[in-house]
Protein backbone atom coordinates (compact mmCIF):
# COMPACT_ATOMS: atom_id res chain seq x y z
CA MET A 1 -107.59 94.55 -75.51
CA THR A 2 -104.45 93.47 -77.34
CA ARG A 3 -102.67 90.81 -75.33
CA ARG A 4 -98.91 91.00 -74.87
CA TYR A 5 -97.29 87.59 -74.67
CA ALA A 6 -93.86 86.78 -73.26
CA VAL A 7 -92.10 83.42 -73.31
CA ASN A 8 -90.70 81.84 -70.17
CA CYS A 9 -87.38 80.54 -71.49
CA SER A 10 -86.73 78.36 -68.46
CA ILE A 11 -89.59 76.00 -69.35
CA LEU A 12 -89.88 76.58 -73.11
CA PHE A 13 -87.08 76.19 -75.66
CA THR A 14 -85.27 73.90 -73.24
CA GLU A 15 -84.09 71.80 -76.18
CA LEU A 16 -81.58 74.64 -76.66
CA PRO A 17 -78.77 75.90 -74.43
CA LEU A 18 -80.05 78.60 -72.09
CA LEU A 19 -78.19 81.43 -73.82
CA ASP A 20 -79.67 80.49 -77.21
CA ARG A 21 -83.26 80.71 -76.03
CA PRO A 22 -83.86 84.48 -76.24
CA ALA A 23 -82.98 84.41 -79.94
CA ALA A 24 -85.22 81.37 -80.44
CA ALA A 25 -88.11 83.25 -78.81
CA ARG A 26 -87.47 86.18 -81.14
CA ASP A 27 -87.42 83.88 -84.15
CA ALA A 28 -90.77 82.45 -83.03
CA GLY A 29 -92.24 85.97 -83.14
CA PHE A 30 -91.96 87.14 -79.53
CA SER A 31 -90.50 90.43 -78.38
CA ALA A 32 -90.33 89.61 -74.66
CA VAL A 33 -88.99 86.81 -72.46
CA GLU A 34 -88.74 85.89 -68.81
CA PHE A 35 -86.52 83.45 -66.92
CA TRP A 36 -86.31 81.63 -63.64
CA TRP A 37 -83.01 82.30 -61.87
CA PRO A 38 -80.51 81.18 -64.55
CA TRP A 39 -78.01 79.63 -62.11
CA PRO A 40 -79.82 77.14 -59.83
CA ASP A 41 -76.55 75.96 -58.32
CA LYS A 42 -75.43 79.37 -57.08
CA ALA A 43 -76.82 82.53 -55.54
CA VAL A 44 -73.94 84.65 -56.82
CA PRO A 45 -72.72 83.75 -60.32
CA SER A 46 -69.50 85.12 -61.71
CA ASP A 47 -69.41 88.49 -63.46
CA GLY A 48 -68.73 86.62 -66.69
CA GLU A 49 -71.83 84.48 -66.29
CA VAL A 50 -74.00 87.51 -65.62
CA ASP A 51 -72.52 89.33 -68.59
CA ALA A 52 -73.13 86.35 -70.90
CA PHE A 53 -76.76 86.10 -69.81
CA CYS A 54 -77.45 89.80 -70.29
CA GLN A 55 -75.61 89.79 -73.60
CA ALA A 56 -77.75 86.93 -74.90
CA VAL A 57 -80.90 88.94 -74.16
CA GLU A 58 -79.46 92.08 -75.71
CA ASP A 59 -78.17 90.30 -78.81
CA ALA A 60 -81.58 88.73 -79.39
CA GLY A 61 -83.23 92.13 -79.31
CA VAL A 62 -85.94 91.02 -76.90
CA GLN A 63 -87.14 92.59 -73.67
CA LEU A 64 -86.54 90.79 -70.39
CA VAL A 65 -89.84 91.37 -68.57
CA GLY A 66 -89.57 88.93 -65.66
CA LEU A 67 -86.90 87.22 -63.58
CA ASN A 68 -87.17 84.88 -60.61
CA LEU A 69 -85.08 85.81 -57.61
CA TYR A 70 -82.65 83.13 -56.46
CA ALA A 71 -84.77 80.20 -55.27
CA GLY A 72 -82.20 77.56 -54.37
CA ASP A 73 -81.70 74.39 -56.37
CA MET A 74 -84.93 74.24 -58.35
CA PRO A 75 -84.03 71.04 -60.26
CA ALA A 76 -83.48 69.34 -56.90
CA GLY A 77 -86.87 70.48 -55.64
CA GLU A 78 -86.15 73.67 -53.72
CA ARG A 79 -88.70 76.43 -54.18
CA GLY A 80 -87.15 79.44 -52.53
CA VAL A 81 -84.76 80.23 -49.71
CA LEU A 82 -85.99 83.58 -48.44
CA SER A 83 -87.96 82.09 -45.54
CA ASP A 84 -84.98 80.08 -44.28
CA PRO A 85 -83.25 81.94 -41.42
CA ALA A 86 -79.97 80.17 -42.19
CA ARG A 87 -79.95 81.44 -45.79
CA ALA A 88 -80.83 85.10 -45.36
CA THR A 89 -77.33 86.29 -46.23
CA GLU A 90 -77.21 84.03 -49.28
CA PHE A 91 -80.54 85.40 -50.48
CA ARG A 92 -79.60 89.03 -49.94
CA ASP A 93 -76.29 88.54 -51.73
CA SER A 94 -78.25 87.27 -54.73
CA VAL A 95 -80.44 90.37 -54.71
CA ALA A 96 -77.36 92.45 -55.51
CA VAL A 97 -76.89 90.30 -58.63
CA THR A 98 -80.55 90.83 -59.52
CA VAL A 99 -80.09 94.58 -59.31
CA ALA A 100 -77.08 94.40 -61.63
CA ILE A 101 -79.09 92.40 -64.17
CA ALA A 102 -81.94 94.89 -63.94
CA GLU A 103 -79.61 97.82 -64.53
CA ARG A 104 -78.29 96.10 -67.64
CA THR A 105 -81.52 94.70 -69.14
CA GLY A 106 -84.31 96.89 -67.81
CA VAL A 107 -86.25 94.01 -66.21
CA ARG A 108 -88.65 95.31 -63.55
CA ALA A 109 -90.70 92.30 -62.34
CA PHE A 110 -89.15 89.80 -59.92
CA ASN A 111 -90.79 86.60 -58.70
CA ALA A 112 -89.82 85.78 -55.11
CA LEU A 113 -90.52 82.12 -54.35
CA TYR A 114 -91.29 81.79 -50.66
CA GLY A 115 -89.60 78.48 -49.82
CA GLN A 116 -90.92 75.29 -48.25
CA ARG A 117 -91.59 74.74 -44.56
CA LEU A 118 -88.53 73.49 -42.70
CA ASP A 119 -88.28 70.85 -40.00
CA GLY A 120 -87.08 72.33 -36.74
CA VAL A 121 -87.98 75.93 -37.61
CA ALA A 122 -91.28 77.36 -36.38
CA ASP A 123 -93.65 78.54 -39.09
CA GLY A 124 -93.88 81.93 -37.42
CA GLU A 125 -90.12 82.36 -37.50
CA GLN A 126 -90.01 81.47 -41.16
CA ASP A 127 -92.77 83.97 -41.89
CA ARG A 128 -90.94 86.69 -39.96
CA VAL A 129 -87.72 86.08 -41.88
CA ALA A 130 -89.61 85.92 -45.18
CA THR A 131 -91.30 89.24 -44.50
CA GLN A 132 -87.96 90.88 -43.75
CA ASN A 133 -86.26 89.43 -46.81
CA ILE A 134 -89.08 90.26 -49.22
CA ALA A 135 -89.20 93.80 -47.85
CA TYR A 136 -85.44 94.05 -48.30
CA ALA A 137 -85.67 92.89 -51.91
CA ALA A 138 -88.57 95.25 -52.55
CA ARG A 139 -86.57 98.21 -51.29
CA GLN A 140 -83.63 97.30 -53.50
CA VAL A 141 -85.65 96.96 -56.70
CA GLY A 142 -87.99 99.77 -55.74
CA ALA A 143 -85.11 102.19 -56.19
CA PHE A 144 -85.52 101.81 -59.97
CA GLY A 145 -89.25 101.10 -60.21
CA GLY A 146 -89.14 97.32 -59.79
CA THR A 147 -91.87 95.11 -58.35
CA ILE A 148 -91.61 91.96 -56.25
CA LEU A 149 -94.14 89.23 -57.10
CA ILE A 150 -95.51 86.58 -54.73
CA GLU A 151 -97.16 83.43 -56.12
CA PRO A 152 -98.86 80.34 -54.75
CA LEU A 153 -97.69 76.98 -56.09
CA ALA A 154 -99.52 73.74 -56.88
CA ARG A 155 -99.77 71.56 -53.79
CA GLY A 156 -98.24 68.12 -53.96
CA LEU A 157 -95.70 69.16 -56.60
CA ASN A 158 -93.58 71.58 -54.60
CA GLY A 159 -93.01 70.07 -51.18
CA ALA A 160 -94.35 71.79 -48.08
CA TYR A 161 -94.78 75.13 -49.83
CA PRO A 162 -97.13 77.18 -47.63
CA LEU A 163 -98.65 79.49 -50.26
CA GLU A 164 -101.34 77.51 -52.07
CA THR A 165 -104.15 79.98 -52.72
CA ALA A 166 -104.52 83.52 -53.93
CA ALA A 167 -105.48 84.49 -50.37
CA ASP A 168 -102.23 82.96 -49.06
CA ALA A 169 -100.14 84.99 -51.50
CA VAL A 170 -102.07 88.22 -51.01
CA ALA A 171 -101.71 87.87 -47.23
CA VAL A 172 -97.92 87.89 -47.71
CA VAL A 173 -98.21 90.89 -50.02
CA GLU A 174 -100.19 92.77 -47.37
CA ARG A 175 -97.79 91.75 -44.60
CA VAL A 176 -94.81 93.09 -46.53
CA ARG A 177 -96.66 96.27 -47.47
CA ALA A 178 -97.25 96.83 -43.77
CA GLU A 179 -93.46 96.94 -43.43
CA GLY A 180 -93.40 99.93 -45.80
CA ALA A 181 -92.75 98.12 -49.10
CA ALA A 182 -95.56 99.14 -51.43
CA ASN A 183 -94.05 97.58 -54.55
CA VAL A 184 -95.10 93.98 -53.81
CA ARG A 185 -97.88 92.32 -55.81
CA PHE A 186 -99.59 89.02 -56.54
CA LEU A 187 -98.43 86.75 -59.38
CA TYR A 188 -101.51 85.20 -60.98
CA ASP A 189 -100.56 81.80 -62.42
CA SER A 190 -103.43 79.86 -64.01
CA PHE A 191 -101.75 76.47 -63.60
CA HIS A 192 -100.92 76.74 -59.91
CA LEU A 193 -104.23 78.35 -58.97
CA ALA A 194 -106.41 75.92 -60.92
CA SER A 195 -104.38 72.93 -59.73
CA ASN A 196 -105.33 73.89 -56.18
CA GLY A 197 -109.02 74.21 -57.00
CA GLU A 198 -109.22 77.99 -57.22
CA ASP A 199 -111.91 79.61 -59.38
CA LEU A 200 -109.75 81.56 -61.84
CA GLU A 201 -112.39 84.11 -62.77
CA ARG A 202 -113.33 84.79 -59.14
CA VAL A 203 -109.67 85.22 -58.15
CA ALA A 204 -109.12 87.69 -60.99
CA ARG A 205 -112.10 89.77 -59.93
CA GLU A 206 -111.42 89.67 -56.19
CA HIS A 207 -107.72 90.43 -56.43
CA ALA A 208 -107.57 92.58 -59.57
CA ALA A 209 -105.92 95.46 -57.76
CA ASP A 210 -103.11 93.23 -56.50
CA ILE A 211 -102.25 91.37 -59.74
CA GLY A 212 -98.80 92.37 -60.90
CA HIS A 213 -98.12 89.69 -63.50
CA VAL A 214 -99.89 86.78 -65.21
CA GLN A 215 -98.48 83.38 -66.19
CA ILE A 216 -100.47 80.71 -68.00
CA ALA A 217 -100.53 76.96 -68.53
CA ASP A 218 -103.42 74.54 -68.80
CA VAL A 219 -104.61 72.04 -66.19
CA PRO A 220 -103.94 69.18 -65.81
CA GLY A 221 -100.51 68.58 -67.30
CA ARG A 222 -99.19 72.14 -67.47
CA GLY A 223 -99.40 72.13 -71.26
CA ARG A 224 -100.29 74.92 -73.67
CA PRO A 225 -103.82 76.37 -73.68
CA GLY A 226 -106.21 73.91 -75.27
CA THR A 227 -104.57 70.79 -73.86
CA GLY A 228 -106.55 70.78 -70.62
CA GLU A 229 -109.68 72.04 -68.92
CA ILE A 230 -109.21 75.82 -68.59
CA ASP A 231 -111.41 78.05 -70.74
CA PHE A 232 -108.78 80.60 -71.72
CA GLY A 233 -111.20 82.65 -73.78
CA ALA A 234 -113.28 83.25 -70.66
CA LEU A 235 -110.18 83.81 -68.53
CA PHE A 236 -108.71 86.40 -70.86
CA GLY A 237 -112.09 88.09 -71.04
CA VAL A 238 -112.17 88.47 -67.26
CA LEU A 239 -108.59 89.74 -67.13
CA ASP A 240 -109.51 92.33 -69.76
CA ALA A 241 -112.64 93.25 -67.81
CA VAL A 242 -110.72 93.90 -64.59
CA GLY A 243 -108.21 96.06 -66.45
CA TYR A 244 -105.13 93.86 -66.51
CA ASP A 245 -102.88 95.20 -69.27
CA GLY A 246 -99.50 93.70 -68.35
CA TRP A 247 -97.59 90.85 -69.90
CA THR A 248 -99.08 87.36 -70.13
CA SER A 249 -96.21 84.93 -69.82
CA LEU A 250 -96.31 81.47 -71.39
CA GLU A 251 -95.02 79.15 -68.69
CA TYR A 252 -96.09 75.77 -69.97
CA LYS A 253 -94.38 72.50 -70.83
CA PRO A 254 -94.05 71.83 -74.56
CA GLN A 255 -95.33 68.53 -75.90
CA GLY A 256 -92.93 68.62 -78.84
CA PRO A 257 -90.54 71.13 -80.43
CA THR A 258 -91.18 74.46 -78.73
CA ALA A 259 -91.50 76.33 -82.03
CA GLU A 260 -94.67 74.29 -82.73
CA GLU A 261 -96.36 75.23 -79.44
CA PHE A 262 -97.83 78.63 -80.31
CA ASP A 263 -100.60 78.14 -82.88
CA TRP A 264 -103.26 78.58 -80.19
CA ILE A 265 -102.33 82.27 -79.89
CA LYS A 266 -104.15 83.04 -83.16
CA GLU A 267 -107.42 82.49 -81.30
CA HIS A 268 -106.46 84.67 -78.34
CA SER A 269 -104.56 87.67 -79.68
């Protein structure tokens, strides 16, 4: 199976200004990119900021295949706001921006970070609010064929983030589907799963029907394939075997200039 690689331009090409990164990805030979939410300090950027972001993707001639929903101040350590009852309006306002970006760029996959546990708010209340907000986002993007993605994150690196395993993420997917939102799937990230001790091949086989997107980085260190312990040849073989034919996004930390981080692909194309 021919693998389709996309570059996450929020973790790669960071030596360049954000709006220059889609063109850099193109120049490195990629036709597709993804981003975390481009404005970590605001849920609702200005029309001019949105236009500039979309224009940068369009001018580069690449496809935007993935976008994180607003997740709060990621540089400061936040990992989502959608489970915070006090921030439901803020989150839903940001979904309207997401829809506008999708209409302009054609992006159809949206990663919804769940948010950390909060002092003074019962876990059950957070889960109830999260279910409602994810279902809301799913309905909004479902109108044009979009999919909401739910991913576990590496424990110890992301605060009290409650989704640590594939089973944790798939349970949220199933809970939201029970609310009538069928367009919610599991984001399979090799770094986060392996960091938490998950068997990557077993997870791929057990949850094949729920995988909506794949992101890769090696463990430990979150570097490119070949810098750590993951056998990517075996992993890609299993993903092929279970029928995954979507994008494989490179979401790893470069160890030098980003343009020099892609030679490993020759062995796994």
